[in-house]
Amino acid sequence: MKREGEGQDPSVPRLSRREALSGLVLGVSLAATSEVVPVAAQAAGSVNAAVLTSAVPLLIQAGPAGITPAFRTQHVAVTLRGGWVLVAGGYSMAPLASVELFDPSSNTWFSAAPMGTARARHAAALLADGRVLVVGGANRHAPLRSAEIYNPWDNTWTNVAPALTVREEGAAALLPDSRVLLTGGGSRGARVGPEVYDPLADRWELLG
């Protein structure tokens, strides 16, 4: 799996993750500006900053255009910055890792990079920087607590810290401070408490 940041021009200026996210949180609207700073978490604690010319993800090269979307249930659908829709995972005879993107302006589906883990009944949330967090759900064998993040600017998935509890059929929501609340659902009938994910620190915390 391609890691975020590989192949980036070393001459491009680098911002800390907190600087980049703070700029977005403090009013850099991806939908309202033509200058977008994509943020990609790296182990070194920094990100490559590059200016794109459009708020629409550059995904037309990610896969064949005009595909027929796969039949799936128990998946997630997340509206990206610029209006594209990410559809990930789900179930079709078996849990799926496949991912597709829908461009409503052209009524066209595109194939995108698959998730690292096949999962259904998972949760997803759009992060403040325009990436997408996917967490939990279940695969063929057991409920999951693993999590991964999709970067729409380079069509890659990156594994991040797993949640503290396994959880199916939960819900994820972005908080005003850029953290993500994961709540609801459970594991094999047992309910689990809410937890919060901090994408800057790549850390989960139980609430209550």
C-alpha atoms as a PDB file:
ATOM      1  CA  MET A   1       0.000   0.000   0.000  1.00  0.00           C
ATOM      2  CA  LYS A   2       1.316   3.418  -0.938  1.00  0.00           C
ATOM      3  CA  ARG A   3       2.108   5.548   2.070  1.00  0.00           C
ATOM      4  CA  GLU A   4       0.998   9.141   2.104  1.00  0.00           C
ATOM      5  CA  GLY A   5       3.677  11.615   1.118  1.00  0.00           C
ATOM      6  CA  GLU A   6       5.665   9.236  -1.089  1.00  0.00           C
ATOM      7  CA  GLY A   7       6.759  10.810  -4.350  1.00  0.00           C
ATOM      8  CA  GLN A   8       6.150  14.350  -3.113  1.00  0.00           C
ATOM      9  CA  ASP A   9       8.420  17.147  -4.362  1.00  0.00           C
ATOM     10  CA  PRO A  10      10.928  17.836  -1.540  1.00  0.00           C
ATOM     11  CA  SER A  11      10.948  21.519  -2.516  1.00  0.00           C
ATOM     12  CA  VAL A  12       7.286  21.868  -1.494  1.00  0.00           C
ATOM     13  CA  PRO A  13       7.025  23.661   1.882  1.00  0.00           C
ATOM     14  CA  ARG A  14       6.111  21.539   4.900  1.00  0.00           C
ATOM     15  CA  LEU A  15       3.638  22.417   7.629  1.00  0.00           C
ATOM     16  CA  SER A  16       3.095  20.743  10.957  1.00  0.00           C
ATOM     17  CA  ARG A  17      -0.151  18.805  11.171  1.00  0.00           C
ATOM     18  CA  ARG A  18      -1.475  21.215  13.802  1.00  0.00           C
ATOM     19  CA  GLU A  19      -0.605  24.284  11.703  1.00  0.00           C
ATOM     20  CA  ALA A  20      -2.292  22.842   8.639  1.00  0.00           C
ATOM     21  CA  LEU A  21      -5.421  21.730  10.467  1.00  0.00           C
ATOM     22  CA  SER A  22      -5.626  24.960  12.455  1.00  0.00           C
ATOM     23  CA  GLY A  23      -5.679  26.930   9.234  1.00  0.00           C
ATOM     24  CA  LEU A  24      -8.604  24.889   7.979  1.00  0.00           C
ATOM     25  CA  VAL A  25     -10.503  25.068  11.257  1.00  0.00           C
ATOM     26  CA  LEU A  26     -10.026  28.835  11.480  1.00  0.00           C
ATOM     27  CA  GLY A  27     -11.809  29.485   8.232  1.00  0.00           C
ATOM     28  CA  VAL A  28     -10.058  28.135   5.145  1.00  0.00           C
ATOM     29  CA  SER A  29     -13.136  26.718   3.465  1.00  0.00           C
ATOM     30  CA  LEU A  30     -12.343  24.071   0.875  1.00  0.00           C
ATOM     31  CA  ALA A  31     -15.664  24.678  -0.807  1.00  0.00           C
ATOM     32  CA  ALA A  32     -15.171  28.430  -1.036  1.00  0.00           C
ATOM     33  CA  THR A  33     -11.592  28.797  -2.209  1.00  0.00           C
ATOM     34  CA  SER A  34      -9.559  27.635  -5.175  1.00  0.00           C
ATOM     35  CA  GLU A  35      -6.466  27.218  -3.015  1.00  0.00           C
ATOM     36  CA  VAL A  36      -6.635  23.979  -1.066  1.00  0.00           C
ATOM     37  CA  VAL A  37      -3.965  22.683   1.296  1.00  0.00           C
ATOM     38  CA  PRO A  38      -4.347  18.905   1.548  1.00  0.00           C
ATOM     39  CA  VAL A  39      -3.132  17.435   4.820  1.00  0.00           C
ATOM     40  CA  ALA A  40      -1.575  13.971   5.025  1.00  0.00           C
ATOM     41  CA  ALA A  41      -0.432  12.623   8.398  1.00  0.00           C
ATOM     42  CA  GLN A  42       3.082  11.183   8.414  1.00  0.00           C
ATOM     43  CA  ALA A  43       5.099   9.381  11.062  1.00  0.00           C
ATOM     44  CA  ALA A  44       7.557  12.278  11.130  1.00  0.00           C
ATOM     45  CA  GLY A  45       4.800  14.510  12.461  1.00  0.00           C
ATOM     46  CA  SER A  46       4.578  16.805   9.446  1.00  0.00           C
ATOM     47  CA  VAL A  47       2.756  17.048   6.160  1.00  0.00           C
ATOM     48  CA  ASN A  48       3.503  18.127   2.636  1.00  0.00           C
ATOM     49  CA  ALA A  49       1.568  21.245   1.678  1.00  0.00           C
ATOM     50  CA  ALA A  50       0.633  21.701  -1.959  1.00  0.00           C
ATOM     51  CA  VAL A  51      -1.740  24.141  -3.582  1.00  0.00           C
ATOM     52  CA  LEU A  52      -4.346  22.588  -5.824  1.00  0.00           C
ATOM     53  CA  THR A  53      -6.313  24.496  -8.416  1.00  0.00           C
ATOM     54  CA  SER A  54      -9.700  23.068  -7.545  1.00  0.00           C
ATOM     55  CA  ALA A  55     -11.663  22.052  -4.474  1.00  0.00           C
ATOM     56  CA  VAL A  56     -12.860  18.965  -6.345  1.00  0.00           C
ATOM     57  CA  PRO A  57     -10.675  15.923  -5.557  1.00  0.00           C
ATOM     58  CA  LEU A  58      -8.349  15.018  -8.410  1.00  0.00           C
ATOM     59  CA  LEU A  59      -9.651  11.491  -8.769  1.00  0.00           C
ATOM     60  CA  ILE A  60     -10.399  11.146 -12.462  1.00  0.00           C
ATOM     61  CA  GLN A  61      -7.079   9.324 -12.830  1.00  0.00           C
ATOM     62  CA  ALA A  62      -7.755   6.991  -9.907  1.00  0.00           C
ATOM     63  CA  GLY A  63      -9.565   4.392 -11.956  1.00  0.00           C
ATOM     64  CA  PRO A  64     -11.807   3.778 -14.940  1.00  0.00           C
ATOM     65  CA  ALA A  65     -14.610   6.277 -15.486  1.00  0.00           C
ATOM     66  CA  GLY A  66     -18.170   5.318 -16.182  1.00  0.00           C
ATOM     67  CA  ILE A  67     -18.062   2.076 -14.204  1.00  0.00           C
ATOM     68  CA  THR A  68     -21.219   0.364 -13.001  1.00  0.00           C
ATOM     69  CA  PRO A  69     -21.221   0.649  -9.203  1.00  0.00           C
ATOM     70  CA  ALA A  70     -20.968  -2.621  -7.341  1.00  0.00           C
ATOM     71  CA  PHE A  71     -23.946  -4.032  -5.472  1.00  0.00           C
ATOM     72  CA  ARG A  72     -23.324  -3.513  -1.752  1.00  0.00           C
ATOM     73  CA  THR A  73     -25.166  -3.136   1.541  1.00  0.00           C
ATOM     74  CA  GLN A  74     -23.987  -2.098   5.023  1.00  0.00           C
ATOM     75  CA  HIS A  75     -21.495   0.355   3.487  1.00  0.00           C
ATOM     76  CA  VAL A  76     -20.671   4.004   4.213  1.00  0.00           C
ATOM     77  CA  ALA A  77     -21.148   7.023   1.943  1.00  0.00           C
ATOM     78  CA  VAL A  78     -19.372  10.310   2.674  1.00  0.00           C
ATOM     79  CA  THR A  79     -19.654  13.568   0.729  1.00  0.00           C
ATOM     80  CA  LEU A  80     -16.168  14.925   0.027  1.00  0.00           C
ATOM     81  CA  ARG A  81     -15.123  18.544  -0.348  1.00  0.00           C
ATOM     82  CA  GLY A  82     -16.289  19.693  -3.753  1.00  0.00           C
ATOM     83  CA  GLY A  83     -19.319  17.419  -3.795  1.00  0.00           C
ATOM     84  CA  TRP A  84     -17.941  14.030  -4.813  1.00  0.00           C
ATOM     85  CA  VAL A  85     -19.272  11.047  -2.819  1.00  0.00           C
ATOM     86  CA  LEU A  86     -17.061   8.289  -1.435  1.00  0.00           C
ATOM     87  CA  VAL A  87     -18.707   4.847  -1.076  1.00  0.00           C
ATOM     88  CA  ALA A  88     -16.585   2.358   0.861  1.00  0.00           C
ATOM     89  CA  GLY A  89     -16.827  -1.221   2.001  1.00  0.00           C
ATOM     90  CA  GLY A  90     -20.065  -2.982   2.793  1.00  0.00           C
ATOM     91  CA  TYR A  91     -21.286  -6.469   2.081  1.00  0.00           C
ATOM     92  CA  SER A  92     -21.935  -8.445  -1.110  1.00  0.00           C
ATOM     93  CA  MET A  93     -21.701 -12.186  -0.430  1.00  0.00           C
ATOM     94  CA  ALA A  94     -18.704 -11.220   1.769  1.00  0.00           C
ATOM     95  CA  PRO A  95     -17.319  -8.045   3.369  1.00  0.00           C
ATOM     96  CA  LEU A  96     -15.864  -5.648   0.789  1.00  0.00           C
ATOM     97  CA  ALA A  97     -12.712  -3.543   0.697  1.00  0.00           C
ATOM     98  CA  SER A  98     -13.637  -1.926  -2.621  1.00  0.00           C
ATOM     99  CA  VAL A  99     -14.240   1.814  -2.908  1.00  0.00           C
ATOM    100  CA  GLU A 100     -16.037   3.892  -5.525  1.00  0.00           C
ATOM    101  CA  LEU A 101     -16.526   7.601  -6.096  1.00  0.00           C
ATOM    102  CA  PHE A 102     -19.538   9.346  -7.565  1.00  0.00           C
ATOM    103  CA  ASP A 103     -19.343  12.681  -9.360  1.00  0.00           C
ATOM    104  CA  PRO A 104     -22.882  14.110  -9.251  1.00  0.00           C
ATOM    105  CA  SER A 105     -22.023  16.881 -11.710  1.00  0.00           C
ATOM    106  CA  SER A 106     -21.410  14.344 -14.482  1.00  0.00           C
ATOM    107  CA  ASN A 107     -23.493  11.476 -13.065  1.00  0.00           C
ATOM    108  CA  THR A 108     -20.393   9.281 -13.299  1.00  0.00           C
ATOM    109  CA  TRP A 109     -18.886   6.611 -11.038  1.00  0.00           C
ATOM    110  CA  PHE A 110     -15.140   6.044 -10.698  1.00  0.00           C
ATOM    111  CA  SER A 111     -13.143   3.201  -9.205  1.00  0.00           C
ATOM    112  CA  ALA A 112     -10.867   4.226  -6.294  1.00  0.00           C
ATOM    113  CA  ALA A 113      -8.154   2.558  -4.240  1.00  0.00           C
ATOM    114  CA  PRO A 114      -9.545  -0.171  -1.948  1.00  0.00           C
ATOM    115  CA  MET A 115      -9.370  -0.001   1.821  1.00  0.00           C
ATOM    116  CA  GLY A 116      -6.654  -1.977   3.541  1.00  0.00           C
ATOM    117  CA  THR A 117      -9.275  -4.031   5.397  1.00  0.00           C
ATOM    118  CA  ALA A 118     -12.562  -5.388   4.094  1.00  0.00           C
ATOM    119  CA  ARG A 119     -15.358  -4.255   6.406  1.00  0.00           C
ATOM    120  CA  ALA A 120     -19.113  -3.846   6.661  1.00  0.00           C
ATOM    121  CA  ARG A 121     -21.326  -2.073   9.231  1.00  0.00           C
ATOM    122  CA  HIS A 122     -18.502   0.398   9.876  1.00  0.00           C
ATOM    123  CA  ALA A 123     -18.513   4.136  10.634  1.00  0.00           C
ATOM    124  CA  ALA A 124     -16.984   7.016   8.690  1.00  0.00           C
ATOM    125  CA  ALA A 125     -16.525  10.765   9.037  1.00  0.00           C
ATOM    126  CA  LEU A 126     -15.115  13.567   6.907  1.00  0.00           C
ATOM    127  CA  LEU A 127     -12.169  15.135   8.745  1.00  0.00           C
ATOM    128  CA  ALA A 128     -11.547  18.884   8.956  1.00  0.00           C
ATOM    129  CA  ASP A 129      -8.747  18.606   6.399  1.00  0.00           C
ATOM    130  CA  GLY A 130     -10.895  16.851   3.793  1.00  0.00           C
ATOM    131  CA  ARG A 131      -9.672  13.298   4.381  1.00  0.00           C
ATOM    132  CA  VAL A 132     -12.036  10.511   5.485  1.00  0.00           C
ATOM    133  CA  LEU A 133     -11.756   8.373   8.622  1.00  0.00           C
ATOM    134  CA  VAL A 134     -13.199   4.847   8.488  1.00  0.00           C
ATOM    135  CA  VAL A 135     -13.322   2.770  11.660  1.00  0.00           C
ATOM    136  CA  GLY A 136     -14.711  -0.446  13.104  1.00  0.00           C
ATOM    137  CA  GLY A 137     -17.356  -2.612  11.516  1.00  0.00           C
ATOM    138  CA  ALA A 138     -16.849  -6.326  10.940  1.00  0.00           C
ATOM    139  CA  ASN A 139     -15.159  -8.600   8.447  1.00  0.00           C
ATOM    140  CA  ARG A 140     -15.845 -12.249   7.715  1.00  0.00           C
ATOM    141  CA  HIS A 141     -14.332 -13.425  10.995  1.00  0.00           C
ATOM    142  CA  ALA A 142     -14.999 -10.891  13.763  1.00  0.00           C
ATOM    143  CA  PRO A 143     -15.912  -7.327  14.738  1.00  0.00           C
ATOM    144  CA  LEU A 144     -13.148  -4.773  14.144  1.00  0.00           C
ATOM    145  CA  ARG A 145     -11.564  -1.854  15.928  1.00  0.00           C
ATOM    146  CA  SER A 146      -9.052  -1.023  13.179  1.00  0.00           C
ATOM    147  CA  ALA A 147      -9.166   2.383  11.492  1.00  0.00           C
ATOM    148  CA  GLU A 148      -7.800   3.903   8.306  1.00  0.00           C
ATOM    149  CA  ILE A 149      -7.863   7.281   6.590  1.00  0.00           C
ATOM    150  CA  TYR A 150      -8.501   8.022   2.913  1.00  0.00           C
ATOM    151  CA  ASN A 151      -6.653  10.882   1.218  1.00  0.00           C
ATOM    152  CA  PRO A 152      -8.659  12.004  -1.839  1.00  0.00           C
ATOM    153  CA  TRP A 153      -5.774  14.012  -3.278  1.00  0.00           C
ATOM    154  CA  ASP A 154      -3.517  11.043  -3.905  1.00  0.00           C
ATOM    155  CA  ASN A 155      -6.100   8.228  -3.728  1.00  0.00           C
ATOM    156  CA  THR A 156      -4.415   6.367  -0.865  1.00  0.00           C
ATOM    157  CA  TRP A 157      -5.446   4.733   2.407  1.00  0.00           C
ATOM    158  CA  THR A 158      -3.278   4.879   5.544  1.00  0.00           C
ATOM    159  CA  ASN A 159      -3.718   2.749   8.658  1.00  0.00           C
ATOM    160  CA  VAL A 160      -4.064   4.800  11.839  1.00  0.00           C
ATOM    161  CA  ALA A 161      -4.437   3.970  15.528  1.00  0.00           C
ATOM    162  CA  PRO A 162      -7.243   1.453  16.145  1.00  0.00           C
ATOM    163  CA  ALA A 163     -10.226   2.379  18.290  1.00  0.00           C
ATOM    164  CA  LEU A 164     -10.146   1.242  21.894  1.00  0.00           C
ATOM    165  CA  THR A 165     -13.222  -0.978  21.508  1.00  0.00           C
ATOM    166  CA  VAL A 166     -14.540  -3.212  18.736  1.00  0.00           C
ATOM    167  CA  ARG A 167     -17.719  -1.723  17.334  1.00  0.00           C
ATOM    168  CA  GLU A 168     -20.273  -2.542  14.642  1.00  0.00           C
ATOM    169  CA  GLU A 169     -23.028  -0.216  13.424  1.00  0.00           C
ATOM    170  CA  GLY A 170     -21.596   2.798  15.227  1.00  0.00           C
ATOM    171  CA  ALA A 171     -21.761   6.420  14.100  1.00  0.00           C
ATOM    172  CA  ALA A 172     -18.922   8.921  13.681  1.00  0.00           C
ATOM    173  CA  ALA A 173     -19.189  12.717  13.671  1.00  0.00           C
ATOM    174  CA  LEU A 174     -16.682  15.549  13.351  1.00  0.00           C
ATOM    175  CA  LEU A 175     -16.511  17.791  16.417  1.00  0.00           C
ATOM    176  CA  PRO A 176     -15.810  21.568  16.329  1.00  0.00           C
ATOM    177  CA  ASP A 177     -12.265  20.973  17.625  1.00  0.00           C
ATOM    178  CA  SER A 178     -11.452  18.647  14.656  1.00  0.00           C
ATOM    179  CA  ARG A 179     -11.674  15.470  16.741  1.00  0.00           C
ATOM    180  CA  VAL A 180     -14.113  12.702  15.802  1.00  0.00           C
ATOM    181  CA  LEU A 181     -16.791  11.312  18.122  1.00  0.00           C
ATOM    182  CA  LEU A 182     -17.493   7.595  17.723  1.00  0.00           C
ATOM    183  CA  THR A 183     -20.635   6.392  19.452  1.00  0.00           C
ATOM    184  CA  GLY A 184     -23.455   3.857  19.330  1.00  0.00           C
ATOM    185  CA  GLY A 185     -23.295   0.331  18.026  1.00  0.00           C
ATOM    186  CA  GLY A 186     -21.617  -2.470  19.876  1.00  0.00           C
ATOM    187  CA  SER A 187     -20.087  -5.906  19.586  1.00  0.00           C
ATOM    188  CA  ARG A 188     -22.130  -9.097  19.331  1.00  0.00           C
ATOM    189  CA  GLY A 189     -25.083  -7.489  21.090  1.00  0.00           C
ATOM    190  CA  ALA A 190     -23.040  -5.814  23.848  1.00  0.00           C
ATOM    191  CA  ARG A 191     -23.155  -2.017  23.809  1.00  0.00           C
ATOM    192  CA  VAL A 192     -19.932  -0.044  24.145  1.00  0.00           C
ATOM    193  CA  GLY A 193     -19.311   3.509  25.318  1.00  0.00           C
ATOM    194  CA  PRO A 194     -18.382   6.516  23.186  1.00  0.00           C
ATOM    195  CA  GLU A 195     -14.809   7.435  22.350  1.00  0.00           C
ATOM    196  CA  VAL A 196     -13.057  10.317  20.615  1.00  0.00           C
ATOM    197  CA  TYR A 197     -10.313  10.237  17.982  1.00  0.00           C
ATOM    198  CA  ASP A 198      -7.714  13.014  17.720  1.00  0.00           C
ATOM    199  CA  PRO A 199      -6.254  12.991  14.175  1.00  0.00           C
ATOM    200  CA  LEU A 200      -3.434  15.333  15.184  1.00  0.00           C
ATOM    201  CA  ALA A 201      -2.143  12.967  17.864  1.00  0.00           C
ATOM    202  CA  ASP A 202      -3.462   9.775  16.222  1.00  0.00           C
ATOM    203  CA  ARG A 203      -4.957   8.761  19.568  1.00  0.00           C
ATOM    204  CA  TRP A 204      -8.316   7.507  20.870  1.00  0.00           C
ATOM    205  CA  GLU A 205      -9.826   8.362  24.256  1.00  0.00           C
ATOM    206  CA  LEU A 206     -12.793   6.789  26.020  1.00  0.00           C
ATOM    207  CA  LEU A 207     -15.499   9.123  27.298  1.00  0.00           C
ATOM    208  CA  GLY A 208     -17.352   8.671  30.545  1.00  0.00           C
END
